[in-house]
């Protein structure tokens, strides 16, 4: 974990994090524990009558693991989650305000170049950056 995030993560969640597969992308999602629990609660409240909802729950909730950041800011990514995204060597940590994404470096380079501004919802296109 980069130094600039360690203090705020320790303050926000005592270094207690939850790592799981991202529901839509081929990366991992890393949440402060409380943030994950809030999102997980909303998802688990969804009815299981849809096969897609059941599959989403299995991916996001069923593969979630609690991890602790050590005193040096390191995280141990379990082998099954590394294998799920093909992570072997280099990883990219991408901040998303309330969570982080962990990408296999090669996959991030491919993903980073695919943004099509015209395909964004109108509400996003209206934002001023």
Protein backbone atom coordinates (compact mmCIF):
# COMPACT_ATOMS: atom_id res chain seq x y z
CA UNK A 1 0.00 0.00 0.00
CA UNK A 2 1.51 3.36 -0.94
CA UNK A 3 2.57 5.44 2.04
CA UNK A 4 0.11 8.24 1.27
CA UNK A 5 -2.86 5.91 1.93
CA UNK A 6 -1.61 4.03 4.99
CA UNK A 7 -2.45 6.61 7.67
CA UNK A 8 -5.96 7.25 6.35
CA UNK A 9 -6.66 3.51 6.05
CA UNK A 10 -5.39 2.89 9.56
CA UNK A 11 -7.57 5.73 10.82
CA UNK A 12 -10.65 4.70 8.84
CA UNK A 13 -10.57 0.96 9.41
CA UNK A 14 -7.56 0.05 11.53
CA UNK A 15 -6.00 -1.55 8.46
CA UNK A 16 -8.85 -4.08 8.27
CA UNK A 17 -9.67 -4.56 4.62
CA UNK A 18 -11.74 -6.88 2.47
CA UNK A 19 -10.48 -8.12 -0.87
CA UNK A 20 -12.74 -9.69 -3.46
CA UNK A 21 -13.21 -10.09 -7.18
CA UNK A 22 -14.55 -7.02 -8.90
CA UNK A 23 -18.10 -7.76 -10.03
CA UNK A 24 -17.62 -6.56 -13.62
CA UNK A 25 -13.90 -6.21 -14.44
CA UNK A 26 -10.98 -8.63 -14.38
CA UNK A 27 -9.42 -7.10 -11.29
CA UNK A 28 -9.74 -7.30 -7.53
CA UNK A 29 -11.65 -4.81 -5.38
CA UNK A 30 -10.09 -3.78 -2.07
CA UNK A 31 -12.40 -2.12 0.45
CA UNK A 32 -12.04 -0.81 3.98
CA UNK A 33 -14.03 -3.38 5.96
CA UNK A 34 -16.94 -1.05 6.80
CA UNK A 35 -17.29 0.08 3.17
CA UNK A 36 -17.39 -3.53 2.04
CA UNK A 37 -19.99 -4.46 4.64
CA UNK A 38 -22.24 -1.62 3.47
CA UNK A 39 -21.96 -2.65 -0.18
CA UNK A 40 -22.29 -6.35 0.69
CA UNK A 41 -25.44 -5.64 2.68
CA UNK A 42 -27.06 -3.92 -0.29
CA UNK A 43 -26.13 -6.78 -2.60
CA UNK A 44 -27.16 -9.54 -0.21
CA UNK A 45 -30.59 -7.89 0.15
CA UNK A 46 -31.24 -8.50 -3.54
CA UNK A 47 -33.53 -11.41 -4.33
CA UNK A 48 -31.92 -14.62 -5.57
CA UNK A 49 -34.61 -15.25 -8.19
CA UNK A 50 -32.33 -13.98 -10.97
CA UNK A 51 -29.48 -16.28 -12.06
CA UNK A 52 -27.36 -13.18 -12.75
CA UNK A 53 -27.86 -11.89 -9.20
CA UNK A 54 -26.89 -15.28 -7.79
CA UNK A 55 -23.77 -15.34 -9.95
CA UNK A 56 -22.88 -11.78 -8.90
CA UNK A 57 -23.27 -12.71 -5.22
CA UNK A 58 -21.02 -15.75 -5.69
CA UNK A 59 -18.35 -13.67 -7.36
CA UNK A 60 -18.43 -10.62 -5.08
CA UNK A 61 -19.55 -12.01 -1.73
CA UNK A 62 -18.51 -15.63 -1.98
CA UNK A 63 -14.90 -14.89 -2.84
CA UNK A 64 -14.37 -12.05 -0.34
CA UNK A 65 -11.60 -12.42 2.21
CA UNK A 66 -10.71 -10.24 5.15
CA UNK A 67 -7.09 -9.15 5.15
CA UNK A 68 -5.03 -6.93 7.41
CA UNK A 69 -2.45 -4.43 6.28
CA UNK A 70 0.81 -5.12 8.13
CA UNK A 71 2.92 -2.43 9.82
CA UNK A 72 4.84 -1.89 6.57
CA UNK A 73 1.63 -1.42 4.55
CA UNK A 74 1.86 -4.78 2.85
CA UNK A 75 -1.14 -6.91 1.90
CA UNK A 76 -1.14 -10.64 1.32
CA UNK A 77 -3.31 -11.45 -1.71
CA UNK A 78 -4.57 -15.03 -1.36
CA UNK A 79 -3.49 -17.42 -4.14
CA UNK A 80 -7.06 -18.06 -5.32
CA UNK A 81 -7.66 -14.35 -5.91
CA UNK A 82 -4.29 -13.90 -7.62
CA UNK A 83 -5.17 -16.82 -9.89
CA UNK A 84 -8.62 -15.38 -10.64
CA UNK A 85 -7.07 -12.38 -12.40
CA UNK A 86 -3.81 -14.03 -13.49
CA UNK A 87 -1.70 -11.91 -11.14
CA UNK A 88 1.83 -13.27 -10.97
CA UNK A 89 4.32 -10.42 -10.72
CA UNK A 90 3.50 -6.75 -11.18
CA UNK A 91 0.25 -5.29 -9.92
CA UNK A 92 -1.35 -1.88 -10.39
CA UNK A 93 -3.21 -0.29 -7.47
CA UNK A 94 -5.88 2.07 -8.75
CA UNK A 95 -7.66 4.35 -6.27
CA UNK A 96 -11.44 4.76 -6.59
CA UNK A 97 -12.22 7.04 -3.59
CA UNK A 98 -14.09 4.44 -1.49
CA UNK A 99 -12.14 1.40 -2.69
CA UNK A 100 -9.03 0.36 -4.60
CA UNK A 101 -8.71 -1.89 -7.60
CA UNK A 102 -5.80 -4.28 -7.99
CA UNK A 103 -5.03 -5.10 -11.61
CA UNK A 104 -2.51 -7.36 -13.27
CA UNK A 105 -0.17 -4.77 -14.84
CA UNK A 106 -0.68 -6.02 -18.41
CA UNK A 107 -4.46 -6.08 -18.01
CA UNK A 108 -4.45 -2.51 -16.67
CA UNK A 109 -2.48 -1.27 -19.67
CA UNK A 110 -5.07 -2.84 -21.97
CA UNK A 111 -8.02 -1.54 -19.93
CA UNK A 112 -6.65 1.98 -19.53
CA UNK A 113 -6.77 2.60 -23.28
CA UNK A 114 -10.38 1.54 -23.84
CA UNK A 115 -12.28 4.58 -22.56
CA UNK A 116 -14.75 5.86 -25.15
CA UNK A 117 -16.06 9.24 -23.95
CA UNK A 118 -19.01 9.05 -26.35
CA UNK A 119 -20.18 5.78 -24.77
CA UNK A 120 -20.44 7.32 -21.28
CA UNK A 121 -23.88 8.09 -19.85
CA UNK A 122 -24.99 11.64 -20.53
CA UNK A 123 -24.86 12.46 -16.79
CA UNK A 124 -21.12 11.72 -16.84
CA UNK A 125 -20.49 13.55 -20.10
CA UNK A 126 -21.96 16.68 -18.52
CA UNK A 127 -19.33 16.72 -15.76
CA UNK A 128 -16.64 19.35 -16.02
CA UNK A 129 -13.13 18.02 -15.36
